[in-house]
Amino acid sequence: LFGDEKQINGLLKNKDRITVVHSSEVIGMNDEPVKAVRKK
């Protein structure tokens, strides 16, 4: 699971077979796709 580690860990009931990898950015629905993938 890639995302905000604090938010995700706060929602998990247990971490069996789940690895949380922290990411500092999010591509939003209004972001320009190719530009966002290349820059974020």
PDB file of all heavy atoms in Angstrom:
ATOM      1  N   LEU A   1       0.844  -1.190   0.000  1.00  0.00           N
ATOM      2  CA  LEU A   1       0.000   0.000   0.000  1.00  0.00           C
ATOM      3  C   LEU A   1       0.881   1.242   0.000  1.00  0.00           C
ATOM      4  O   LEU A   1       1.647   1.478   0.953  1.00  0.00           O
ATOM      5  CB  LEU A   1      -0.917   0.010   1.221  1.00  0.00           C
ATOM      6  CG  LEU A   1      -2.298  -0.636   1.045  1.00  0.00           C
ATOM      7  CD1 LEU A   1      -2.149  -2.101   0.666  1.00  0.00           C
ATOM      8  CD2 LEU A   1      -3.130  -0.511   2.316  1.00  0.00           C
ATOM      9  N   PHE A   2       0.782   2.039  -1.068  1.00  0.00           N
ATOM     10  CA  PHE A   2       1.575   3.253  -1.199  1.00  0.00           C
ATOM     11  C   PHE A   2       0.707   4.463  -0.876  1.00  0.00           C
ATOM     12  O   PHE A   2      -0.380   4.627  -1.430  1.00  0.00           O
ATOM     13  CB  PHE A   2       2.123   3.368  -2.630  1.00  0.00           C
ATOM     14  CG  PHE A   2       3.111   2.299  -2.975  1.00  0.00           C
ATOM     15  CD1 PHE A   2       2.683   1.050  -3.427  1.00  0.00           C
ATOM     16  CD2 PHE A   2       4.474   2.519  -2.838  1.00  0.00           C
ATOM     17  CE1 PHE A   2       3.585   0.047  -3.740  1.00  0.00           C
ATOM     18  CE2 PHE A   2       5.389   1.521  -3.148  1.00  0.00           C
ATOM     19  CZ  PHE A   2       4.949   0.285  -3.601  1.00  0.00           C
ATOM     20  N   GLY A   3       1.201   5.301   0.047  1.00  0.00           N
ATOM     21  CA  GLY A   3       0.440   6.476   0.420  1.00  0.00           C
ATOM     22  C   GLY A   3       0.905   7.067   1.730  1.00  0.00           C
ATOM     23  O   GLY A   3       2.012   6.777   2.208  1.00  0.00           O
ATOM     24  N   ASP A   4       0.049   7.883   2.327  1.00  0.00           N
ATOM     25  CA  ASP A   4       0.361   8.524   3.599  1.00  0.00           C
ATOM     26  C   ASP A   4       0.386   7.469   4.702  1.00  0.00           C
ATOM     27  O   ASP A   4      -0.650   6.925   5.079  1.00  0.00           O
ATOM     28  CB  ASP A   4      -0.696   9.591   3.905  1.00  0.00           C
ATOM     29  CG  ASP A   4      -0.357  10.414   5.132  1.00  0.00           C
ATOM     30  OD1 ASP A   4      -0.135   9.811   6.204  1.00  0.00           O
ATOM     31  OD2 ASP A   4      -0.318  11.650   5.026  1.00  0.00           O
ATOM     32  N   GLU A   5       1.581   7.191   5.199  1.00  0.00           N
ATOM     33  CA  GLU A   5       1.775   6.109   6.169  1.00  0.00           C
ATOM     34  C   GLU A   5       0.934   6.298   7.433  1.00  0.00           C
ATOM     35  O   GLU A   5       0.330   5.339   7.942  1.00  0.00           O
ATOM     36  CB  GLU A   5       3.261   6.034   6.540  1.00  0.00           C
ATOM     37  CG  GLU A   5       3.647   4.821   7.369  1.00  0.00           C
ATOM     38  CD  GLU A   5       5.145   4.735   7.568  1.00  0.00           C
ATOM     39  OE1 GLU A   5       5.826   5.782   7.475  1.00  0.00           O
ATOM     40  OE2 GLU A   5       5.641   3.621   7.830  1.00  0.00           O
ATOM     41  N   LYS A   6       0.852   7.513   7.920  1.00  0.00           N
ATOM     42  CA  LYS A   6       0.107   7.785   9.147  1.00  0.00           C
ATOM     43  C   LYS A   6      -1.378   7.502   8.956  1.00  0.00           C
ATOM     44  O   LYS A   6      -2.011   6.857   9.800  1.00  0.00           O
ATOM     45  CB  LYS A   6       0.328   9.235   9.579  1.00  0.00           C
ATOM     46  CG  LYS A   6      -0.333   9.580  10.911  1.00  0.00           C
ATOM     47  CD  LYS A   6       0.000  11.003  11.329  1.00  0.00           C
ATOM     48  CE  LYS A   6      -0.657  11.337  12.666  1.00  0.00           C
ATOM     49  NZ  LYS A   6      -0.336  12.752  13.096  1.00  0.00           N
ATOM     50  N   GLN A   7      -1.940   7.974   7.835  1.00  0.00           N
ATOM     51  CA  GLN A   7      -3.363   7.755   7.573  1.00  0.00           C
ATOM     52  C   GLN A   7      -3.675   6.263   7.391  1.00  0.00           C
ATOM     53  O   GLN A   7      -4.636   5.746   7.958  1.00  0.00           O
ATOM     54  CB  GLN A   7      -3.795   8.507   6.313  1.00  0.00           C
ATOM     55  CG  GLN A   7      -3.902  10.003   6.446  1.00  0.00           C
ATOM     56  CD  GLN A   7      -4.557  10.613   5.226  1.00  0.00           C
ATOM     57  OE1 GLN A   7      -5.710  10.302   4.913  1.00  0.00           O
ATOM     58  NE2 GLN A   7      -3.837  11.476   4.531  1.00  0.00           N
ATOM     59  N   ILE A   8      -2.859   5.594   6.617  1.00  0.00           N
ATOM     60  CA  ILE A   8      -3.115   4.180   6.313  1.00  0.00           C
ATOM     61  C   ILE A   8      -2.995   3.322   7.562  1.00  0.00           C
ATOM     62  O   ILE A   8      -3.863   2.487   7.841  1.00  0.00           O
ATOM     63  CB  ILE A   8      -2.141   3.684   5.221  1.00  0.00           C
ATOM     64  CG1 ILE A   8      -2.396   4.440   3.915  1.00  0.00           C
ATOM     65  CG2 ILE A   8      -2.300   2.179   5.002  1.00  0.00           C
ATOM     66  CD1 ILE A   8      -1.357   4.191   2.847  1.00  0.00           C
ATOM     67  N   ASN A   9      -1.939   3.524   8.334  1.00  0.00           N
ATOM     68  CA  ASN A   9      -1.748   2.731   9.556  1.00  0.00           C
ATOM     69  C   ASN A   9      -2.882   2.957  10.551  1.00  0.00           C
ATOM     70  O   ASN A   9      -3.261   2.045  11.297  1.00  0.00           O
ATOM     71  CB  ASN A   9      -0.407   3.066  10.209  1.00  0.00           C
ATOM     72  CG  ASN A   9       0.771   2.439   9.473  1.00  0.00           C
ATOM     73  OD1 ASN A   9       0.626   1.389   8.839  1.00  0.00           O
ATOM     74  ND2 ASN A   9       1.934   3.068   9.552  1.00  0.00           N
ATOM     75  N   GLY A  10      -3.437   4.157  10.551  1.00  0.00           N
ATOM     76  CA  GLY A  10      -4.542   4.449  11.458  1.00  0.00           C
ATOM     77  C   GLY A  10      -5.832   3.748  11.075  1.00  0.00           C
ATOM     78  O   GLY A  10      -6.734   3.602  11.915  1.00  0.00           O
ATOM     79  N   LEU A  11      -5.921   3.281   9.835  1.00  0.00           N
ATOM     80  CA  LEU A  11      -7.120   2.597   9.351  1.00  0.00           C
ATOM     81  C   LEU A  11      -7.009   1.087   9.369  1.00  0.00           C
ATOM     82  O   LEU A  11      -8.014   0.379   9.412  1.00  0.00           O
ATOM     83  CB  LEU A  11      -7.421   3.060   7.909  1.00  0.00           C
ATOM     84  CG  LEU A  11      -7.822   4.528   7.733  1.00  0.00           C
ATOM     85  CD1 LEU A  11      -7.756   4.914   6.262  1.00  0.00           C
ATOM     86  CD2 LEU A  11      -9.222   4.765   8.282  1.00  0.00           C
ATOM     87  N   LEU A  12      -5.791   0.574   9.354  1.00  0.00           N
ATOM     88  CA  LEU A  12      -5.585  -0.875   9.299  1.00  0.00           C
ATOM     89  C   LEU A  12      -5.971  -1.562  10.611  1.00  0.00           C
ATOM     90  O   LEU A  12      -5.592  -1.124  11.696  1.00  0.00           O
ATOM     91  CB  LEU A  12      -4.120  -1.184   8.989  1.00  0.00           C
ATOM     92  CG  LEU A  12      -3.654  -0.990   7.544  1.00  0.00           C
ATOM     93  CD1 LEU A  12      -2.134  -1.092   7.468  1.00  0.00           C
ATOM     94  CD2 LEU A  12      -4.302  -2.034   6.636  1.00  0.00           C
ATOM     95  N   LYS A  13      -6.709  -2.673  10.481  1.00  0.00           N
ATOM     96  CA  LYS A  13      -7.046  -3.471  11.660  1.00  0.00           C
ATOM     97  C   LYS A  13      -5.853  -4.309  12.072  1.00  0.00           C
ATOM     98  O   LYS A  13      -5.593  -4.509  13.259  1.00  0.00           O
ATOM     99  CB  LYS A  13      -8.247  -4.363  11.355  1.00  0.00           C
ATOM    100  CG  LYS A  13      -9.528  -3.591  11.100  1.00  0.00           C
ATOM    101  CD  LYS A  13     -10.678  -4.526  10.761  1.00  0.00           C
ATOM    102  CE  LYS A  13     -11.958  -3.747  10.490  1.00  0.00           C
ATOM    103  NZ  LYS A  13     -13.075  -4.639  10.095  1.00  0.00           N
ATOM    104  N   ASN A  14      -5.138  -4.841  11.073  1.00  0.00           N
ATOM    105  CA  ASN A  14      -3.866  -5.519  11.321  1.00  0.00           C
ATOM    106  C   ASN A  14      -3.059  -5.490  10.036  1.00  0.00           C
ATOM    107  O   ASN A  14      -3.609  -5.281   8.948  1.00  0.00           O
ATOM    108  CB  ASN A  14      -4.065  -6.958  11.823  1.00  0.00           C
ATOM    109  CG  ASN A  14      -4.606  -7.883  10.751  1.00  0.00           C
ATOM    110  OD1 ASN A  14      -3.892  -8.287   9.825  1.00  0.00           O
ATOM    111  ND2 ASN A  14      -5.886  -8.240  10.867  1.00  0.00           N
ATOM    112  N   LYS A  15      -1.755  -5.701  10.139  1.00  0.00           N
ATOM    113  CA  LYS A  15      -0.859  -5.552   8.989  1.00  0.00           C
ATOM    114  C   LYS A  15      -0.389  -6.898   8.434  1.00  0.00           C
ATOM    115  O   LYS A  15       0.610  -6.950   7.712  1.00  0.00           O
ATOM    116  CB  LYS A  15       0.332  -4.690   9.371  1.00  0.00           C
ATOM    117  CG  LYS A  15      -0.053  -3.265   9.762  1.00  0.00           C
ATOM    118  CD  LYS A  15       1.148  -2.406  10.071  1.00  0.00           C
ATOM    119  CE  LYS A  15       1.967  -2.090   8.849  1.00  0.00           C
ATOM    120  NZ  LYS A  15       3.056  -1.124   9.139  1.00  0.00           N
ATOM    121  N   ASP A  16      -1.138  -7.936   8.716  1.00  0.00           N
ATOM    122  CA  ASP A  16      -0.789  -9.247   8.177  1.00  0.00           C
ATOM    123  C   ASP A  16      -0.795  -9.212   6.653  1.00  0.00           C
ATOM    124  O   ASP A  16      -1.811  -8.865   6.035  1.00  0.00           O
ATOM    125  CB  ASP A  16      -1.798 -10.293   8.678  1.00  0.00           C
ATOM    126  CG  ASP A  16      -1.453 -11.696   8.205  1.00  0.00           C
ATOM    127  OD1 ASP A  16      -0.256 -11.991   8.071  1.00  0.00           O
ATOM    128  OD2 ASP A  16      -2.394 -12.472   7.946  1.00  0.00           O
ATOM    129  N   ARG A  17       0.315  -9.519   6.036  1.00  0.00           N
ATOM    130  CA  ARG A  17       0.522  -9.541   4.592  1.00  0.00           C
ATOM    131  C   ARG A  17       0.232  -8.197   3.918  1.00  0.00           C
ATOM    132  O   ARG A  17      -0.109  -8.138   2.750  1.00  0.00           O
ATOM    133  CB  ARG A  17      -0.308 -10.657   3.935  1.00  0.00           C
ATOM    134  CG  ARG A  17       0.282 -12.036   4.173  1.00  0.00           C
ATOM    135  CD  ARG A  17      -0.497 -13.156   3.508  1.00  0.00           C
ATOM    136  NE  ARG A  17      -1.729 -13.447   4.212  1.00  0.00           N
ATOM    137  CZ  ARG A  17      -2.940 -13.187   3.750  1.00  0.00           C
ATOM    138  NH1 ARG A  17      -3.090 -12.654   2.557  1.00  0.00           N
ATOM    139  NH2 ARG A  17      -4.010 -13.475   4.453  1.00  0.00           N
ATOM    140  N   ILE A  18       0.359  -7.127   4.691  1.00  0.00           N
ATOM    141  CA  ILE A  18       0.212  -5.775   4.150  1.00  0.00           C
ATOM    142  C   ILE A  18       1.449  -4.966   4.518  1.00  0.00           C
ATOM    143  O   ILE A  18       1.822  -4.889   5.693  1.00  0.00           O
ATOM    144  CB  ILE A  18      -1.047  -5.077   4.703  1.00  0.00           C
ATOM    145  CG1 ILE A  18      -2.311  -5.753   4.168  1.00  0.00           C
ATOM    146  CG2 ILE A  18      -1.046  -3.602   4.314  1.00  0.00           C
ATOM    147  CD1 ILE A  18      -3.597  -5.164   4.713  1.00  0.00           C
ATOM    148  N   THR A  19       2.090  -4.389   3.523  1.00  0.00           N
ATOM    149  CA  THR A  19       3.252  -3.531   3.743  1.00  0.00           C
ATOM    150  C   THR A  19       2.886  -2.115   3.314  1.00  0.00           C
ATOM    151  O   THR A  19       2.428  -1.898   2.190  1.00  0.00           O
ATOM    152  CB  THR A  19       4.459  -4.013   2.915  1.00  0.00           C
ATOM    153  OG1 THR A  19       4.785  -5.354   3.295  1.00  0.00           O
ATOM    154  CG2 THR A  19       5.661  -3.113   3.134  1.00  0.00           C
ATOM    155  N   VAL A  20       3.075  -1.175   4.206  1.00  0.00           N
ATOM    156  CA  VAL A  20       2.777   0.221   3.906  1.00  0.00           C
ATOM    157  C   VAL A  20       4.063   0.935   3.501  1.00  0.00           C
ATOM    158  O   VAL A  20       5.056   0.896   4.230  1.00  0.00           O
ATOM    159  CB  VAL A  20       2.143   0.933   5.118  1.00  0.00           C
ATOM    160  CG1 VAL A  20       1.847   2.395   4.785  1.00  0.00           C
ATOM    161  CG2 VAL A  20       0.861   0.215   5.539  1.00  0.00           C
ATOM    162  N   VAL A  21       4.043   1.553   2.323  1.00  0.00           N
ATOM    163  CA  VAL A  21       5.203   2.302   1.828  1.00  0.00           C
ATOM    164  C   VAL A  21       4.812   3.779   1.755  1.00  0.00           C
ATOM    165  O   VAL A  21       3.887   4.144   1.015  1.00  0.00           O
ATOM    166  CB  VAL A  21       5.642   1.801   0.435  1.00  0.00           C
ATOM    167  CG1 VAL A  21       6.896   2.547  -0.023  1.00  0.00           C
ATOM    168  CG2 VAL A  21       5.894   0.297   0.460  1.00  0.00           C
ATOM    169  N   HIS A  22       5.504   4.611   2.504  1.00  0.00           N
ATOM    170  CA  HIS A  22       5.129   6.021   2.584  1.00  0.00           C
ATOM    171  C   HIS A  22       5.437   6.767   1.285  1.00  0.00           C
ATOM    172  O   HIS A  22       6.498   6.602   0.680  1.00  0.00           O
ATOM    173  CB  HIS A  22       5.857   6.715   3.732  1.00  0.00           C
ATOM    174  CG  HIS A  22       5.488   8.162   3.888  1.00  0.00           C
ATOM    175  ND1 HIS A  22       4.238   8.561   4.311  1.00  0.00           N
ATOM    176  CD2 HIS A  22       6.189   9.302   3.619  1.00  0.00           C
ATOM    177  CE1 HIS A  22       4.192   9.882   4.335  1.00  0.00           C
ATOM    178  NE2 HIS A  22       5.357  10.351   3.918  1.00  0.00           N
ATOM    179  N   SER A  23       4.488   7.585   0.859  1.00  0.00           N
ATOM    180  CA  SER A  23       4.689   8.478  -0.282  1.00  0.00           C
ATOM    181  C   SER A  23       4.305   9.884   0.166  1.00  0.00           C
ATOM    182  O   SER A  23       3.340  10.065   0.908  1.00  0.00           O
ATOM    183  CB  SER A  23       3.838   8.045  -1.481  1.00  0.00           C
ATOM    184  OG  SER A  23       2.464   8.176  -1.197  1.00  0.00           O
ATOM    185  N   SER A  24       5.056  10.860  -0.291  1.00  0.00           N
ATOM    186  CA  SER A  24       4.845  12.231   0.159  1.00  0.00           C
ATOM    187  C   SER A  24       3.948  13.045  -0.765  1.00  0.00           C
ATOM    188  O   SER A  24       3.582  14.170  -0.442  1.00  0.00           O
ATOM    189  CB  SER A  24       6.200  12.947   0.287  1.00  0.00           C
ATOM    190  OG  SER A  24       6.881  12.960  -0.967  1.00  0.00           O
ATOM    191  N   GLU A  25       3.573  12.453  -1.931  1.00  0.00           N
ATOM    192  CA  GLU A  25       2.765  13.182  -2.899  1.00  0.00           C
ATOM    193  C   GLU A  25       1.560  12.359  -3.341  1.00  0.00           C
ATOM    194  O   GLU A  25       1.558  11.130  -3.237  1.00  0.00           O
ATOM    195  CB  GLU A  25       3.598  13.543  -4.134  1.00  0.00           C
ATOM    196  CG  GLU A  25       4.745  14.487  -3.857  1.00  0.00           C
ATOM    197  CD  GLU A  25       5.552  14.765  -5.116  1.00  0.00           C
ATOM    198  OE1 GLU A  25       6.138  13.823  -5.659  1.00  0.00           O
ATOM    199  OE2 GLU A  25       5.583  15.941  -5.555  1.00  0.00           O
ATOM    200  N   VAL A  26       0.555  13.059  -3.863  1.00  0.00           N
ATOM    201  CA  VAL A  26      -0.655  12.423  -4.393  1.00  0.00           C
ATOM    202  C   VAL A  26      -0.985  13.066  -5.735  1.00  0.00           C
ATOM    203  O   VAL A  26      -0.932  14.296  -5.866  1.00  0.00           O
ATOM    204  CB  VAL A  26      -1.856  12.587  -3.437  1.00  0.00           C
ATOM    205  CG1 VAL A  26      -3.122  11.997  -4.072  1.00  0.00           C
ATOM    206  CG2 VAL A  26      -1.583  11.909  -2.104  1.00  0.00           C
ATOM    207  N   ILE A  27      -1.319  12.248  -6.720  1.00  0.00           N
ATOM    208  CA  ILE A  27      -1.786  12.773  -8.002  1.00  0.00           C
ATOM    209  C   ILE A  27      -3.296  12.924  -7.906  1.00  0.00           C
ATOM    210  O   ILE A  27      -4.019  11.945  -7.718  1.00  0.00           O
ATOM    211  CB  ILE A  27      -1.413  11.833  -9.168  1.00  0.00           C
ATOM    212  CG1 ILE A  27       0.105  11.797  -9.339  1.00  0.00           C
ATOM    213  CG2 ILE A  27      -2.083  12.292 -10.466  1.00  0.00           C
ATOM    214  CD1 ILE A  27       0.584  10.885 -10.450  1.00  0.00           C
ATOM    215  N   GLY A  28      -3.759  14.152  -8.008  1.00  0.00           N
ATOM    216  CA  GLY A  28      -5.183  14.430  -7.859  1.00  0.00           C
ATOM    217  C   GLY A  28      -5.965  14.196  -9.138  1.00  0.00           C
ATOM    218  O   GLY A  28      -5.397  14.012 -10.219  1.00  0.00           O
ATOM    219  N   MET A  29      -7.277  14.207  -9.020  1.00  0.00           N
ATOM    220  CA  MET A  29      -8.150  13.974 -10.166  1.00  0.00           C
ATOM    221  C   MET A  29      -8.028  15.076 -11.224  1.00  0.00           C
ATOM    222  O   MET A  29      -8.278  14.838 -12.403  1.00  0.00           O
ATOM    223  CB  MET A  29      -9.610  13.854  -9.706  1.00  0.00           C
ATOM    224  CG  MET A  29      -9.895  12.617  -8.880  1.00  0.00           C
ATOM    225  SD  MET A  29      -9.629  11.087  -9.803  1.00  0.00           S
ATOM    226  CE  MET A  29     -10.386   9.893  -8.689  1.00  0.00           C
ATOM    227  N   ASN A  30      -7.630  16.276 -10.813  1.00  0.00           N
ATOM    228  CA  ASN A  30      -7.547  17.389 -11.752  1.00  0.00           C
ATOM    229  C   ASN A  30      -6.138  17.617 -12.291  1.00  0.00           C
ATOM    230  O   ASN A  30      -5.924  18.531 -13.097  1.00  0.00           O
ATOM    231  CB  ASN A  30      -8.055  18.676 -11.087  1.00  0.00           C
ATOM    232  CG  ASN A  30      -9.539  18.610 -10.766  1.00  0.00           C
ATOM    233  OD1 ASN A  30     -10.327  18.067 -11.545  1.00  0.00           O
ATOM    234  ND2 ASN A  30      -9.924  19.141  -9.618  1.00  0.00           N
ATOM    235  N   ASP A  31      -5.186  16.802 -11.856  1.00  0.00           N
ATOM    236  CA  ASP A  31      -3.817  16.938 -12.357  1.00  0.00           C
ATOM    237  C   ASP A  31      -3.732  16.505 -13.815  1.00  0.00           C
ATOM    238  O   ASP A  31      -4.411  15.559 -14.233  1.00  0.00           O
ATOM    239  CB  ASP A  31      -2.855  16.085 -11.525  1.00  0.00           C
ATOM    240  CG  ASP A  31      -2.510  16.724 -10.194  1.00  0.00           C
ATOM    241  OD1 ASP A  31      -2.733  17.939 -10.054  1.00  0.00           O
ATOM    242  OD2 ASP A  31      -2.030  16.014  -9.292  1.00  0.00           O
ATOM    243  N   GLU A  32      -2.881  17.172 -14.591  1.00  0.00           N
ATOM    244  CA  GLU A  32      -2.644  16.776 -15.976  1.00  0.00           C
ATOM    245  C   GLU A  32      -1.862  15.462 -15.940  1.00  0.00           C
ATOM    246  O   GLU A  32      -0.762  15.413 -15.370  1.00  0.00           O
ATOM    247  CB  GLU A  32      -1.855  17.865 -16.701  1.00  0.00           C
ATOM    248  CG  GLU A  32      -1.888  17.740 -18.213  1.00  0.00           C
ATOM    249  CD  GLU A  32      -0.948  16.664 -18.724  1.00  0.00           C
ATOM    250  OE1 GLU A  32       0.185  16.586 -18.220  1.00  0.00           O
ATOM    251  OE2 GLU A  32      -1.355  15.893 -19.617  1.00  0.00           O
ATOM    252  N   PRO A  33      -2.405  14.385 -16.516  1.00  0.00           N
ATOM    253  CA  PRO A  33      -1.866  13.036 -16.319  1.00  0.00           C
ATOM    254  C   PRO A  33      -0.378  12.844 -16.586  1.00  0.00           C
ATOM    255  O   PRO A  33       0.371  12.459 -15.677  1.00  0.00           O
ATOM    256  CB  PRO A  33      -2.721  12.182 -17.261  1.00  0.00           C
ATOM    257  CG  PRO A  33      -4.010  12.899 -17.347  1.00  0.00           C
ATOM    258  CD  PRO A  33      -3.643  14.347 -17.316  1.00  0.00           C
ATOM    259  N   VAL A  34       0.066  13.086 -17.807  1.00  0.00           N
ATOM    260  CA  VAL A  34       1.462  12.803 -18.163  1.00  0.00           C
ATOM    261  C   VAL A  34       2.411  13.694 -17.364  1.00  0.00           C
ATOM    262  O   VAL A  34       3.444  13.238 -16.852  1.00  0.00           O
ATOM    263  CB  VAL A  34       1.687  12.989 -19.677  1.00  0.00           C
ATOM    264  CG1 VAL A  34       3.155  12.805 -20.025  1.00  0.00           C
ATOM    265  CG2 VAL A  34       0.830  12.005 -20.463  1.00  0.00           C
ATOM    266  N   LYS A  35       2.062  14.959 -17.241  1.00  0.00           N
ATOM    267  CA  LYS A  35       2.892  15.906 -16.487  1.00  0.00           C
ATOM    268  C   LYS A  35       3.013  15.466 -15.033  1.00  0.00           C
ATOM    269  O   LYS A  35       4.108  15.507 -14.439  1.00  0.00           O
ATOM    270  CB  LYS A  35       2.284  17.303 -16.568  1.00  0.00           C
ATOM    271  CG  LYS A  35       3.100  18.387 -15.873  1.00  0.00           C
ATOM    272  CD  LYS A  35       2.435  19.751 -16.043  1.00  0.00           C
ATOM    273  CE  LYS A  35       3.232  20.837 -15.332  1.00  0.00           C
ATOM    274  NZ  LYS A  35       2.572  22.174 -15.488  1.00  0.00           N
ATOM    275  N   ALA A  36       1.908  15.024 -14.439  1.00  0.00           N
ATOM    276  CA  ALA A  36       1.915  14.605 -13.038  1.00  0.00           C
ATOM    277  C   ALA A  36       2.771  13.355 -12.833  1.00  0.00           C
ATOM    278  O   ALA A  36       3.531  13.258 -11.866  1.00  0.00           O
ATOM    279  CB  ALA A  36       0.487  14.340 -12.565  1.00  0.00           C
ATOM    280  N   VAL A  37       2.659  12.397 -13.745  1.00  0.00           N
ATOM    281  CA  VAL A  37       3.441  11.159 -13.629  1.00  0.00           C
ATOM    282  C   VAL A  37       4.933  11.455 -13.731  1.00  0.00           C
ATOM    283  O   VAL A  37       5.759  10.846 -13.039  1.00  0.00           O
ATOM    284  CB  VAL A  37       3.004  10.146 -14.713  1.00  0.00           C
ATOM    285  CG1 VAL A  37       3.986   8.983 -14.814  1.00  0.00           C
ATOM    286  CG2 VAL A  37       1.607   9.612 -14.389  1.00  0.00           C
ATOM    287  N   ARG A  38       5.296  12.400 -14.590  1.00  0.00           N
ATOM    288  CA  ARG A  38       6.708  12.722 -14.782  1.00  0.00           C
ATOM    289  C   ARG A  38       7.291  13.580 -13.665  1.00  0.00           C
ATOM    290  O   ARG A  38       8.475  13.479 -13.345  1.00  0.00           O
ATOM    291  CB  ARG A  38       6.880  13.439 -16.125  1.00  0.00           C
ATOM    292  CG  ARG A  38       6.741  12.493 -17.316  1.00  0.00           C
ATOM    293  CD  ARG A  38       6.829  13.226 -18.628  1.00  0.00           C
ATOM    294  NE  ARG A  38       6.877  12.277 -19.751  1.00  0.00           N
ATOM    295  CZ  ARG A  38       6.689  12.595 -21.026  1.00  0.00           C
ATOM    296  NH1 ARG A  38       6.426  13.862 -21.330  1.00  0.00           N
ATOM    297  NH2 ARG A  38       6.759  11.679 -21.966  1.00  0.00           N
ATOM    298  N   LYS A  39       6.447  14.433 -13.048  1.00  0.00           N
ATOM    299  CA  LYS A  39       6.962  15.363 -12.034  1.00  0.00           C
ATOM    300  C   LYS A  39       6.775  14.865 -10.600  1.00  0.00           C
ATOM    301  O   LYS A  39       7.605  15.139  -9.735  1.00  0.00           O
ATOM    302  CB  LYS A  39       6.307  16.735 -12.201  1.00  0.00           C
ATOM    303  CG  LYS A  39       6.788  17.482 -13.454  1.00  0.00           C
ATOM    304  CD  LYS A  39       6.419  18.947 -13.375  1.00  0.00           C
ATOM    305  CE  LYS A  39       7.094  19.722 -14.516  1.00  0.00           C
ATOM    306  NZ  LYS A  39       6.821  21.183 -14.419  1.00  0.00           N
ATOM    307  N   LYS A  40       5.685  14.158 -10.348  1.00  0.00           N
ATOM    308  CA  LYS A  40       5.425  13.703  -8.978  1.00  0.00           C
ATOM    309  C   LYS A  40       5.985  12.290  -8.764  1.00  0.00           C
ATOM    310  O   LYS A  40       5.246  11.308  -8.643  1.00  0.00           O
ATOM    311  CB  LYS A  40       3.923  13.748  -8.691  1.00  0.00           C
ATOM    312  CG  LYS A  40       3.355  15.169  -8.636  1.00  0.00           C
ATOM    313  CD  LYS A  40       1.908  15.175  -8.159  1.00  0.00           C
ATOM    314  CE  LYS A  40       1.390  16.583  -7.966  1.00  0.00           C
ATOM    315  NZ  LYS A  40      -0.007  16.614  -7.458  1.00  0.00           N
TER     316      LYS A  40
END
